[in-house]
């Protein structure tokens, strides 16, 4: 039998021959040979291999020497979530080649990356602005979806307790009969679902609480006047937000707006945007005494237009 040399090689080593026959593999080997011939030093050769041979990927090392592959423009937060979701969720920073850098730092071939964690740390929504890999983005979104659900239930109970107080009731004091009545009236499977809807702003707490008003008729749709204010601490979480239009801070007179799907938006009482909202979705709120939190503010400065005014 007559064989060409390539056919004989493929017959003897079919897997290796098939792999080497791939165009990308051949190009990879040619590039590797070119780099070797153009560098005389072994360390320079390894450095060029890491940086030049894989321009569309980033190959980085863990402190233990494990190689990890990432797409181009992947950042340090992608590395943290690639190690483990809990590592990413509790990440407070990273060191690249023993230097601490921001989580938004892009990964480069050959770097050694170490993740710094703390048990109290948790993800930030801003991470989605620079997370590249699907794994990292999905874990960040999943964390905030679960967090939002938990906070919605807690906020919903606070809002419902606020309205039930006028009837000398609270969520915890509701009898089994009253709970069953609520579930039947609002067609939900359990109380947590109802509280979740209230916390997200999809149901109004005063309408739910009205079921226990002995003087109320089913047709009454007017909210009681004697509003009991909800206390705002400034640390309620992602379902209590401060409006960007007026940016209220402690000491300002404030009012809440229940926004469907978003929770509560806090405005200054004098904010012109409130006129655009339905009155029955406005909520009486007030600051907790001695509040200590950080708030964003707008500062306006009137100055004469002259050279160097910003520098001074």
C-alpha atoms as a PDB file:
ATOM      1  CA  UNK A   1       0.000   0.000   0.000  1.00  0.00           C
ATOM      2  CA  UNK A   2       1.210   3.504  -0.857  1.00  0.00           C
ATOM      3  CA  UNK A   3       0.792   6.414   1.572  1.00  0.00           C
ATOM      4  CA  UNK A   4       1.725  10.034   1.476  1.00  0.00           C
ATOM      5  CA  UNK A   5       3.771  11.125   4.489  1.00  0.00           C
ATOM      6  CA  UNK A   6       0.818  13.160   5.859  1.00  0.00           C
ATOM      7  CA  UNK A   7      -1.509  10.155   5.510  1.00  0.00           C
ATOM      8  CA  UNK A   8       0.950   7.873   7.272  1.00  0.00           C
ATOM      9  CA  UNK A   9       1.302  10.377  10.133  1.00  0.00           C
ATOM     10  CA  UNK A  10      -2.468  10.668  10.484  1.00  0.00           C
ATOM     11  CA  UNK A  11      -2.850   6.879  10.454  1.00  0.00           C
ATOM     12  CA  UNK A  12      -0.243   6.487  13.225  1.00  0.00           C
ATOM     13  CA  UNK A  13      -1.387   9.429  15.376  1.00  0.00           C
ATOM     14  CA  UNK A  14      -4.906  10.433  14.251  1.00  0.00           C
ATOM     15  CA  UNK A  15      -5.707  12.774  17.160  1.00  0.00           C
ATOM     16  CA  UNK A  16      -2.411  14.675  17.099  1.00  0.00           C
ATOM     17  CA  UNK A  17      -2.445  14.969  13.315  1.00  0.00           C
ATOM     18  CA  UNK A  18      -6.019  16.283  13.315  1.00  0.00           C
ATOM     19  CA  UNK A  19      -5.171  18.842  15.989  1.00  0.00           C
ATOM     20  CA  UNK A  20      -2.047  20.062  14.164  1.00  0.00           C
ATOM     21  CA  UNK A  21      -3.975  20.317  10.908  1.00  0.00           C
ATOM     22  CA  UNK A  22      -6.244  23.014  12.290  1.00  0.00           C
ATOM     23  CA  UNK A  23      -5.430  26.434  10.812  1.00  0.00           C
ATOM     24  CA  UNK A  24      -5.474  28.169  14.166  1.00  0.00           C
ATOM     25  CA  UNK A  25      -3.093  25.592  15.659  1.00  0.00           C
ATOM     26  CA  UNK A  26      -0.635  25.958  12.808  1.00  0.00           C
ATOM     27  CA  UNK A  27      -0.709  29.748  13.136  1.00  0.00           C
ATOM     28  CA  UNK A  28      -0.196  29.427  16.898  1.00  0.00           C
ATOM     29  CA  UNK A  29       2.885  27.247  16.396  1.00  0.00           C
ATOM     30  CA  UNK A  30       4.321  29.562  13.723  1.00  0.00           C
ATOM     31  CA  UNK A  31       3.859  32.569  16.016  1.00  0.00           C
ATOM     32  CA  UNK A  32       5.482  30.662  18.852  1.00  0.00           C
ATOM     33  CA  UNK A  33       8.467  29.818  16.635  1.00  0.00           C
ATOM     34  CA  UNK A  34       8.801  33.458  15.496  1.00  0.00           C
ATOM     35  CA  UNK A  35       8.844  34.671  19.095  1.00  0.00           C
ATOM     36  CA  UNK A  36      11.466  32.093  20.027  1.00  0.00           C
ATOM     37  CA  UNK A  37      13.735  33.063  17.137  1.00  0.00           C
ATOM     38  CA  UNK A  38      13.447  36.789  17.851  1.00  0.00           C
ATOM     39  CA  UNK A  39      14.313  36.532  21.549  1.00  0.00           C
ATOM     40  CA  UNK A  40      17.498  35.139  22.934  1.00  0.00           C
ATOM     41  CA  UNK A  41      16.617  35.170  26.619  1.00  0.00           C
ATOM     42  CA  UNK A  42      14.245  32.590  28.139  1.00  0.00           C
ATOM     43  CA  UNK A  43      12.556  35.136  30.419  1.00  0.00           C
ATOM     44  CA  UNK A  44      11.989  37.512  27.506  1.00  0.00           C
ATOM     45  CA  UNK A  45      10.579  34.616  25.499  1.00  0.00           C
ATOM     46  CA  UNK A  46       8.054  33.766  28.236  1.00  0.00           C
ATOM     47  CA  UNK A  47       7.084  37.434  28.605  1.00  0.00           C
ATOM     48  CA  UNK A  48       6.446  37.806  24.857  1.00  0.00           C
ATOM     49  CA  UNK A  49       4.472  34.558  24.767  1.00  0.00           C
ATOM     50  CA  UNK A  50       2.156  35.811  27.501  1.00  0.00           C
ATOM     51  CA  UNK A  51       1.545  39.219  25.947  1.00  0.00           C
ATOM     52  CA  UNK A  52       1.703  38.651  22.167  1.00  0.00           C
ATOM     53  CA  UNK A  53       0.374  35.165  21.533  1.00  0.00           C
ATOM     54  CA  UNK A  54      -3.148  35.659  22.928  1.00  0.00           C
ATOM     55  CA  UNK A  55      -4.235  39.236  22.073  1.00  0.00           C
ATOM     56  CA  UNK A  56      -7.972  38.445  22.383  1.00  0.00           C
ATOM     57  CA  UNK A  57      -7.729  36.723  25.766  1.00  0.00           C
ATOM     58  CA  UNK A  58      -6.156  37.393  29.121  1.00  0.00           C
ATOM     59  CA  UNK A  59      -4.365  34.548  30.880  1.00  0.00           C
ATOM     60  CA  UNK A  60      -3.661  35.382  34.504  1.00  0.00           C
ATOM     61  CA  UNK A  61      -2.424  33.457  37.521  1.00  0.00           C
ATOM     62  CA  UNK A  62      -3.825  32.838  40.973  1.00  0.00           C
ATOM     63  CA  UNK A  63      -1.346  33.191  43.884  1.00  0.00           C
ATOM     64  CA  UNK A  64      -1.109  29.373  43.826  1.00  0.00           C
ATOM     65  CA  UNK A  65       0.038  29.418  40.174  1.00  0.00           C
ATOM     66  CA  UNK A  66      -3.212  28.261  38.546  1.00  0.00           C
ATOM     67  CA  UNK A  67      -3.779  29.758  35.087  1.00  0.00           C
ATOM     68  CA  UNK A  68      -7.208  31.287  34.414  1.00  0.00           C
ATOM     69  CA  UNK A  69      -8.514  32.471  31.048  1.00  0.00           C
ATOM     70  CA  UNK A  70     -10.667  35.584  30.586  1.00  0.00           C
ATOM     71  CA  UNK A  71     -12.062  37.460  27.598  1.00  0.00           C
ATOM     72  CA  UNK A  72     -10.498  40.703  26.455  1.00  0.00           C
ATOM     73  CA  UNK A  73     -11.315  43.696  28.718  1.00  0.00           C
ATOM     74  CA  UNK A  74     -12.254  41.447  31.650  1.00  0.00           C
ATOM     75  CA  UNK A  75     -11.634  43.141  34.993  1.00  0.00           C
ATOM     76  CA  UNK A  76     -10.536  42.188  38.482  1.00  0.00           C
ATOM     77  CA  UNK A  77     -14.132  41.678  39.629  1.00  0.00           C
ATOM     78  CA  UNK A  78     -14.531  39.047  36.888  1.00  0.00           C
ATOM     79  CA  UNK A  79     -11.531  37.254  38.362  1.00  0.00           C
ATOM     80  CA  UNK A  80     -13.059  37.285  41.863  1.00  0.00           C
ATOM     81  CA  UNK A  81     -16.314  35.709  40.677  1.00  0.00           C
ATOM     82  CA  UNK A  82     -14.429  33.200  38.545  1.00  0.00           C
ATOM     83  CA  UNK A  83     -12.813  31.851  41.726  1.00  0.00           C
ATOM     84  CA  UNK A  84     -16.156  31.435  43.538  1.00  0.00           C
ATOM     85  CA  UNK A  85     -19.415  33.369  43.843  1.00  0.00           C
ATOM     86  CA  UNK A  86     -18.877  33.861  47.588  1.00  0.00           C
ATOM     87  CA  UNK A  87     -15.383  35.234  46.936  1.00  0.00           C
ATOM     88  CA  UNK A  88     -16.916  37.767  44.568  1.00  0.00           C
ATOM     89  CA  UNK A  89     -19.761  38.654  46.928  1.00  0.00           C
ATOM     90  CA  UNK A  90     -17.356  39.367  49.817  1.00  0.00           C
ATOM     91  CA  UNK A  91     -14.622  41.017  47.746  1.00  0.00           C
ATOM     92  CA  UNK A  92     -13.263  44.352  49.026  1.00  0.00           C
ATOM     93  CA  UNK A  93     -10.314  44.699  46.653  1.00  0.00           C
ATOM     94  CA  UNK A  94      -7.622  42.922  44.647  1.00  0.00           C
ATOM     95  CA  UNK A  95      -3.865  42.878  44.388  1.00  0.00           C
ATOM     96  CA  UNK A  96      -2.298  42.539  40.959  1.00  0.00           C
ATOM     97  CA  UNK A  97       1.374  41.621  41.096  1.00  0.00           C
ATOM     98  CA  UNK A  98       1.335  42.554  44.819  1.00  0.00           C
ATOM     99  CA  UNK A  99      -0.074  46.046  44.196  1.00  0.00           C
ATOM    100  CA  UNK A 100      -3.609  46.874  45.372  1.00  0.00           C
ATOM    101  CA  UNK A 101      -5.703  48.184  42.483  1.00  0.00           C
ATOM    102  CA  UNK A 102      -9.387  49.092  41.879  1.00  0.00           C
ATOM    103  CA  UNK A 103     -11.837  46.300  41.054  1.00  0.00           C
ATOM    104  CA  UNK A 104     -12.418  47.933  37.675  1.00  0.00           C
ATOM    105  CA  UNK A 105      -8.791  47.317  36.604  1.00  0.00           C
ATOM    106  CA  UNK A 106      -8.542  45.355  33.343  1.00  0.00           C
ATOM    107  CA  UNK A 107      -6.659  42.064  33.376  1.00  0.00           C
ATOM    108  CA  UNK A 108      -3.488  41.686  31.319  1.00  0.00           C
ATOM    109  CA  UNK A 109      -1.681  38.503  30.287  1.00  0.00           C
ATOM    110  CA  UNK A 110       0.763  37.137  32.824  1.00  0.00           C
ATOM    111  CA  UNK A 111      -0.486  39.011  35.879  1.00  0.00           C
ATOM    112  CA  UNK A 112      -0.856  37.351  39.278  1.00  0.00           C
ATOM    113  CA  UNK A 113      -4.145  38.324  40.884  1.00  0.00           C
ATOM    114  CA  UNK A 114      -5.062  37.994  44.561  1.00  0.00           C
ATOM    115  CA  UNK A 115      -8.579  38.707  45.870  1.00  0.00           C
ATOM    116  CA  UNK A 116      -9.057  40.447  49.230  1.00  0.00           C
ATOM    117  CA  UNK A 117     -12.262  39.589  51.111  1.00  0.00           C
ATOM    118  CA  UNK A 118     -14.091  40.453  54.322  1.00  0.00           C
ATOM    119  CA  UNK A 119     -17.106  38.618  55.807  1.00  0.00           C
ATOM    120  CA  UNK A 120     -19.106  41.869  56.109  1.00  0.00           C
ATOM    121  CA  UNK A 121     -18.569  42.966  52.501  1.00  0.00           C
ATOM    122  CA  UNK A 122     -21.299  42.712  49.875  1.00  0.00           C
ATOM    123  CA  UNK A 123     -21.588  43.499  46.139  1.00  0.00           C
ATOM    124  CA  UNK A 124     -22.198  46.998  44.792  1.00  0.00           C
ATOM    125  CA  UNK A 125     -24.579  47.755  41.921  1.00  0.00           C
ATOM    126  CA  UNK A 126     -21.827  49.862  40.324  1.00  0.00           C
ATOM    127  CA  UNK A 127     -19.874  46.649  39.678  1.00  0.00           C
ATOM    128  CA  UNK A 128     -22.212  45.971  36.762  1.00  0.00           C
ATOM    129  CA  UNK A 129     -20.639  48.978  35.015  1.00  0.00           C
ATOM    130  CA  UNK A 130     -17.337  47.131  34.580  1.00  0.00           C
ATOM    131  CA  UNK A 131     -18.056  43.412  35.052  1.00  0.00           C
ATOM    132  CA  UNK A 132     -17.594  41.705  31.674  1.00  0.00           C
ATOM    133  CA  UNK A 133     -18.137  37.958  32.086  1.00  0.00           C
ATOM    134  CA  UNK A 134     -21.633  36.488  32.190  1.00  0.00           C
ATOM    135  CA  UNK A 135     -20.753  34.619  35.391  1.00  0.00           C
ATOM    136  CA  UNK A 136     -19.861  37.782  37.301  1.00  0.00           C
ATOM    137  CA  UNK A 137     -22.818  39.796  35.998  1.00  0.00           C
ATOM    138  CA  UNK A 138     -25.306  36.999  36.743  1.00  0.00           C
ATOM    139  CA  UNK A 139     -24.053  36.555  40.324  1.00  0.00           C
ATOM    140  CA  UNK A 140     -24.201  40.309  40.998  1.00  0.00           C
ATOM    141  CA  UNK A 141     -27.754  40.538  39.623  1.00  0.00           C
ATOM    142  CA  UNK A 142     -28.795  37.418  41.554  1.00  0.00           C
ATOM    143  CA  UNK A 143     -27.494  38.895  44.814  1.00  0.00           C
ATOM    144  CA  UNK A 144     -29.458  42.116  44.383  1.00  0.00           C
ATOM    145  CA  UNK A 145     -32.594  40.281  43.267  1.00  0.00           C
ATOM    146  CA  UNK A 146     -32.523  38.250  46.502  1.00  0.00           C
ATOM    147  CA  UNK A 147     -31.613  41.342  48.524  1.00  0.00           C
ATOM    148  CA  UNK A 148     -34.462  43.307  46.976  1.00  0.00           C
ATOM    149  CA  UNK A 149     -36.920  40.512  47.782  1.00  0.00           C
ATOM    150  CA  UNK A 150     -35.802  40.388  51.431  1.00  0.00           C
ATOM    151  CA  UNK A 151     -35.853  44.172  51.810  1.00  0.00           C
ATOM    152  CA  UNK A 152     -39.256  44.393  50.101  1.00  0.00           C
ATOM    153  CA  UNK A 153     -40.791  42.065  52.703  1.00  0.00           C
ATOM    154  CA  UNK A 154     -39.255  44.045  55.598  1.00  0.00           C
ATOM    155  CA  UNK A 155     -40.279  47.403  54.133  1.00  0.00           C
ATOM    156  CA  UNK A 156     -43.748  46.065  53.349  1.00  0.00           C
ATOM    157  CA  UNK A 157     -44.197  45.044  56.984  1.00  0.00           C
ATOM    158  CA  UNK A 158     -43.062  48.493  58.182  1.00  0.00           C
ATOM    159  CA  UNK A 159     -45.542  50.200  55.871  1.00  0.00           C
ATOM    160  CA  UNK A 160     -48.404  47.886  56.780  1.00  0.00           C
ATOM    161  CA  UNK A 161     -47.648  48.207  60.511  1.00  0.00           C
ATOM    162  CA  UNK A 162     -47.721  51.972  60.059  1.00  0.00           C
ATOM    163  CA  UNK A 163     -51.259  51.804  58.649  1.00  0.00           C
ATOM    164  CA  UNK A 164     -52.496  49.049  60.995  1.00  0.00           C
ATOM    165  CA  UNK A 165     -51.451  51.119  64.023  1.00  0.00           C
ATOM    166  CA  UNK A 166     -54.530  53.320  63.582  1.00  0.00           C
ATOM    167  CA  UNK A 167     -56.625  50.186  64.281  1.00  0.00           C
ATOM    168  CA  UNK A 168     -54.409  49.102  67.214  1.00  0.00           C
ATOM    169  CA  UNK A 169     -53.058  46.222  65.135  1.00  0.00           C
ATOM    170  CA  UNK A 170     -49.737  45.097  63.696  1.00  0.00           C
ATOM    171  CA  UNK A 171     -48.682  42.371  61.302  1.00  0.00           C
ATOM    172  CA  UNK A 172     -47.371  40.221  64.160  1.00  0.00           C
ATOM    173  CA  UNK A 173     -50.645  40.652  66.104  1.00  0.00           C
ATOM    174  CA  UNK A 174     -52.907  39.534  63.251  1.00  0.00           C
ATOM    175  CA  UNK A 175     -54.860  36.421  64.139  1.00  0.00           C
ATOM    176  CA  UNK A 176     -54.911  33.446  61.822  1.00  0.00           C
ATOM    177  CA  UNK A 177     -58.446  34.396  60.829  1.00  0.00           C
ATOM    178  CA  UNK A 178     -57.414  37.959  59.880  1.00  0.00           C
ATOM    179  CA  UNK A 179     -54.400  36.674  57.935  1.00  0.00           C
ATOM    180  CA  UNK A 180     -56.606  34.258  56.008  1.00  0.00           C
ATOM    181  CA  UNK A 181     -59.004  37.110  55.272  1.00  0.00           C
ATOM    182  CA  UNK A 182     -56.159  39.192  53.796  1.00  0.00           C
ATOM    183  CA  UNK A 183     -54.871  36.337  51.652  1.00  0.00           C
ATOM    184  CA  UNK A 184     -58.357  35.650  50.309  1.00  0.00           C
ATOM    185  CA  UNK A 185     -59.191  39.307  49.662  1.00  0.00           C
ATOM    186  CA  UNK A 186     -55.969  40.049  47.793  1.00  0.00           C
ATOM    187  CA  UNK A 187     -55.658  36.598  46.203  1.00  0.00           C
ATOM    188  CA  UNK A 188     -52.139  35.766  47.341  1.00  0.00           C
ATOM    189  CA  UNK A 189     -50.756  32.454  48.584  1.00  0.00           C
ATOM    190  CA  UNK A 190     -49.020  33.717  51.741  1.00  0.00           C
ATOM    191  CA  UNK A 191     -48.540  36.855  53.790  1.00  0.00           C
ATOM    192  CA  UNK A 192     -44.908  37.327  52.668  1.00  0.00           C
ATOM    193  CA  UNK A 193     -46.116  37.737  49.067  1.00  0.00           C
ATOM    194  CA  UNK A 194     -48.505  40.495  50.142  1.00  0.00           C
ATOM    195  CA  UNK A 195     -45.774  42.258  52.149  1.00  0.00           C
ATOM    196  CA  UNK A 196     -43.404  41.929  49.197  1.00  0.00           C
ATOM    197  CA  UNK A 197     -45.937  43.637  46.914  1.00  0.00           C
ATOM    198  CA  UNK A 198     -46.426  46.450  49.439  1.00  0.00           C
ATOM    199  CA  UNK A 199     -42.660  46.948  49.813  1.00  0.00           C
ATOM    200  CA  UNK A 200     -42.197  47.198  46.047  1.00  0.00           C
ATOM    201  CA  UNK A 201     -45.019  49.722  45.802  1.00  0.00           C
ATOM    202  CA  UNK A 202     -47.289  47.412  43.824  1.00  0.00           C
ATOM    203  CA  UNK A 203     -49.961  47.597  46.565  1.00  0.00           C
ATOM    204  CA  UNK A 204     -50.807  50.467  48.880  1.00  0.00           C
ATOM    205  CA  UNK A 205     -50.509  49.615  52.580  1.00  0.00           C
ATOM    206  CA  UNK A 206     -53.475  51.815  53.567  1.00  0.00           C
ATOM    207  CA  UNK A 207     -55.760  49.916  51.193  1.00  0.00           C
ATOM    208  CA  UNK A 208     -54.672  46.601  52.735  1.00  0.00           C
ATOM    209  CA  UNK A 209     -55.067  47.905  56.296  1.00  0.00           C
ATOM    210  CA  UNK A 210     -58.507  49.315  55.491  1.00  0.00           C
ATOM    211  CA  UNK A 211     -59.871  45.760  55.593  1.00  0.00           C
ATOM    212  CA  UNK A 212     -59.823  46.037  59.390  1.00  0.00           C
ATOM    213  CA  UNK A 213     -61.591  49.397  59.665  1.00  0.00           C
ATOM    214  CA  UNK A 214     -65.010  48.664  61.236  1.00  0.00           C
ATOM    215  CA  UNK A 215     -66.412  51.937  59.871  1.00  0.00           C
ATOM    216  CA  UNK A 216     -65.097  51.357  56.356  1.00  0.00           C
ATOM    217  CA  UNK A 217     -67.327  50.407  53.462  1.00  0.00           C
ATOM    218  CA  UNK A 218     -66.045  48.358  50.566  1.00  0.00           C
ATOM    219  CA  UNK A 219     -66.621  51.255  48.183  1.00  0.00           C
ATOM    220  CA  UNK A 220     -64.536  53.745  50.196  1.00  0.00           C
ATOM    221  CA  UNK A 221     -61.375  54.686  48.362  1.00  0.00           C
ATOM    222  CA  UNK A 222     -60.241  57.701  50.384  1.00  0.00           C
ATOM    223  CA  UNK A 223     -57.105  57.382  52.475  1.00  0.00           C
ATOM    224  CA  UNK A 224     -57.442  58.206  56.213  1.00  0.00           C
ATOM    225  CA  UNK A 225     -56.230  61.706  57.053  1.00  0.00           C
ATOM    226  CA  UNK A 226     -54.360  60.983  60.292  1.00  0.00           C
ATOM    227  CA  UNK A 227     -51.167  59.733  58.671  1.00  0.00           C
ATOM    228  CA  UNK A 228     -48.583  58.189  60.987  1.00  0.00           C
ATOM    229  CA  UNK A 229     -45.136  59.104  59.605  1.00  0.00           C
ATOM    230  CA  UNK A 230     -42.658  56.432  58.561  1.00  0.00           C
ATOM    231  CA  UNK A 231     -39.285  57.009  60.224  1.00  0.00           C
ATOM    232  CA  UNK A 232     -36.404  57.381  57.734  1.00  0.00           C
ATOM    233  CA  UNK A 233     -32.950  56.363  58.955  1.00  0.00           C
ATOM    234  CA  UNK A 234     -31.026  56.835  55.700  1.00  0.00           C
ATOM    235  CA  UNK A 235     -29.868  53.210  55.708  1.00  0.00           C
ATOM    236  CA  UNK A 236     -33.069  51.439  54.635  1.00  0.00           C
ATOM    237  CA  UNK A 237     -31.491  49.787  51.587  1.00  0.00           C
ATOM    238  CA  UNK A 238     -32.219  49.712  47.882  1.00  0.00           C
ATOM    239  CA  UNK A 239     -36.000  50.177  48.178  1.00  0.00           C
ATOM    240  CA  UNK A 240     -35.882  53.561  49.931  1.00  0.00           C
ATOM    241  CA  UNK A 241     -34.186  56.071  47.653  1.00  0.00           C
ATOM    242  CA  UNK A 242     -33.633  59.813  47.757  1.00  0.00           C
ATOM    243  CA  UNK A 243     -34.798  61.775  44.736  1.00  0.00           C
ATOM    244  CA  UNK A 244     -32.191  63.283  42.422  1.00  0.00           C
ATOM    245  CA  UNK A 245     -34.342  66.314  41.659  1.00  0.00           C
ATOM    246  CA  UNK A 246     -34.233  67.858  45.143  1.00  0.00           C
ATOM    247  CA  UNK A 247     -31.731  65.653  47.054  1.00  0.00           C
ATOM    248  CA  UNK A 248     -33.226  65.853  50.581  1.00  0.00           C
ATOM    249  CA  UNK A 249     -30.915  65.685  53.592  1.00  0.00           C
ATOM    250  CA  UNK A 250     -31.638  65.374  57.338  1.00  0.00           C
ATOM    251  CA  UNK A 251     -33.356  68.509  58.609  1.00  0.00           C
ATOM    252  CA  UNK A 252     -35.390  69.036  55.427  1.00  0.00           C
ATOM    253  CA  UNK A 253     -39.152  68.583  55.505  1.00  0.00           C
ATOM    254  CA  UNK A 254     -39.731  65.416  53.494  1.00  0.00           C
ATOM    255  CA  UNK A 255     -42.480  63.304  51.983  1.00  0.00           C
ATOM    256  CA  UNK A 256     -42.367  59.853  50.424  1.00  0.00           C
ATOM    257  CA  UNK A 257     -43.754  58.739  47.085  1.00  0.00           C
ATOM    258  CA  UNK A 258     -44.654  55.082  46.625  1.00  0.00           C
ATOM    259  CA  UNK A 259     -43.375  54.101  43.175  1.00  0.00           C
ATOM    260  CA  UNK A 260     -44.605  50.841  41.678  1.00  0.00           C
ATOM    261  CA  UNK A 261     -41.771  48.336  41.440  1.00  0.00           C
ATOM    262  CA  UNK A 262     -39.221  50.705  43.004  1.00  0.00           C
ATOM    263  CA  UNK A 263     -40.334  51.145  46.603  1.00  0.00           C
ATOM    264  CA  UNK A 264     -40.289  54.618  48.187  1.00  0.00           C
ATOM    265  CA  UNK A 265     -38.736  57.779  46.740  1.00  0.00           C
ATOM    266  CA  UNK A 266     -38.033  60.502  49.325  1.00  0.00           C
ATOM    267  CA  UNK A 267     -38.586  64.124  48.201  1.00  0.00           C
ATOM    268  CA  UNK A 268     -38.392  67.476  49.919  1.00  0.00           C
ATOM    269  CA  UNK A 269     -41.902  68.678  50.777  1.00  0.00           C
ATOM    270  CA  UNK A 270     -41.283  71.747  48.601  1.00  0.00           C
ATOM    271  CA  UNK A 271     -40.180  69.694  45.553  1.00  0.00           C
ATOM    272  CA  UNK A 272     -42.066  70.759  42.428  1.00  0.00           C
ATOM    273  CA  UNK A 273     -42.025  67.181  41.107  1.00  0.00           C
ATOM    274  CA  UNK A 274     -44.531  66.121  43.780  1.00  0.00           C
ATOM    275  CA  UNK A 275     -47.315  67.916  41.915  1.00  0.00           C
ATOM    276  CA  UNK A 276     -46.999  65.300  39.181  1.00  0.00           C
ATOM    277  CA  UNK A 277     -47.679  62.384  41.558  1.00  0.00           C
ATOM    278  CA  UNK A 278     -51.013  60.976  42.683  1.00  0.00           C
ATOM    279  CA  UNK A 279     -51.959  62.197  46.144  1.00  0.00           C
ATOM    280  CA  UNK A 280     -52.945  58.724  47.389  1.00  0.00           C
ATOM    281  CA  UNK A 281     -49.396  57.498  46.695  1.00  0.00           C
ATOM    282  CA  UNK A 282     -47.751  60.126  48.869  1.00  0.00           C
ATOM    283  CA  UNK A 283     -46.509  58.911  52.218  1.00  0.00           C
ATOM    284  CA  UNK A 284     -45.906  60.784  55.482  1.00  0.00           C
ATOM    285  CA  UNK A 285     -42.254  60.338  56.479  1.00  0.00           C
ATOM    286  CA  UNK A 286     -39.847  62.033  58.880  1.00  0.00           C
ATOM    287  CA  UNK A 287     -36.173  61.766  59.749  1.00  0.00           C
ATOM    288  CA  UNK A 288     -34.977  59.700  62.666  1.00  0.00           C
ATOM    289  CA  UNK A 289     -33.455  61.923  65.351  1.00  0.00           C
ATOM    290  CA  UNK A 290     -29.643  61.994  65.479  1.00  0.00           C
ATOM    291  CA  UNK A 291     -29.311  60.416  62.041  1.00  0.00           C
ATOM    292  CA  UNK A 292     -25.724  59.822  60.853  1.00  0.00           C
ATOM    293  CA  UNK A 293     -25.352  58.855  57.201  1.00  0.00           C
ATOM    294  CA  UNK A 294     -23.796  60.160  54.015  1.00  0.00           C
ATOM    295  CA  UNK A 295     -26.014  61.993  51.513  1.00  0.00           C
ATOM    296  CA  UNK A 296     -25.384  63.416  48.052  1.00  0.00           C
ATOM    297  CA  UNK A 297     -26.076  67.135  47.708  1.00  0.00           C
ATOM    298  CA  UNK A 298     -25.968  69.721  44.933  1.00  0.00           C
ATOM    299  CA  UNK A 299     -23.896  72.841  45.623  1.00  0.00           C
ATOM    300  CA  UNK A 300     -24.478  75.983  43.556  1.00  0.00           C
ATOM    301  CA  UNK A 301     -21.933  78.785  43.672  1.00  0.00           C
ATOM    302  CA  UNK A 302     -22.454  82.256  42.162  1.00  0.00           C
ATOM    303  CA  UNK A 303     -19.159  83.827  41.108  1.00  0.00           C
ATOM    304  CA  UNK A 304     -17.931  86.521  38.748  1.00  0.00           C
ATOM    305  CA  UNK A 305     -16.838  85.116  35.392  1.00  0.00           C
ATOM    306  CA  UNK A 306     -13.104  85.773  35.402  1.00  0.00           C
ATOM    307  CA  UNK A 307      -9.873  83.933  34.710  1.00  0.00           C
ATOM    308  CA  UNK A 308      -8.734  81.551  37.453  1.00  0.00           C
ATOM    309  CA  UNK A 309     -12.043  81.518  39.321  1.00  0.00           C
ATOM    310  CA  UNK A 310     -12.153  77.695  39.407  1.00  0.00           C
ATOM    311  CA  UNK A 311      -8.534  77.465  40.529  1.00  0.00           C
ATOM    312  CA  UNK A 312      -9.180  79.626  43.588  1.00  0.00           C
END
